[in-house]
Amino acid sequence: MKVRVLIMPKRGLLDPEGRAVKEMLTDNGFTVKDVKVGKVVELEVEEGTDIKKLVEGFLINPLVEEYIIE
């Protein structure tokens, strides 16, 4: 089974990489309200794998990140 996990900084927390991308785009003439930079992790796992447990235990920092499993 293939799984994609989108990992993003939690709303309201500083995202220095997102801020740098926004500044670069603005400096180059683009109008951008906000930018968030996250990660995409693609996994191929066996049926029945507890994806939530895997993600929360090993892939994210629950204090500063949130995720979506696709």
Foldseek 3Di string as FASTA:
>chain_A
DKKKKKKWWDPPDDAVVFVVVCVVCVVVPDDDDTGTDTDMDMDDDDPPDPVVCCCPVPPDDVVTMDMDMD
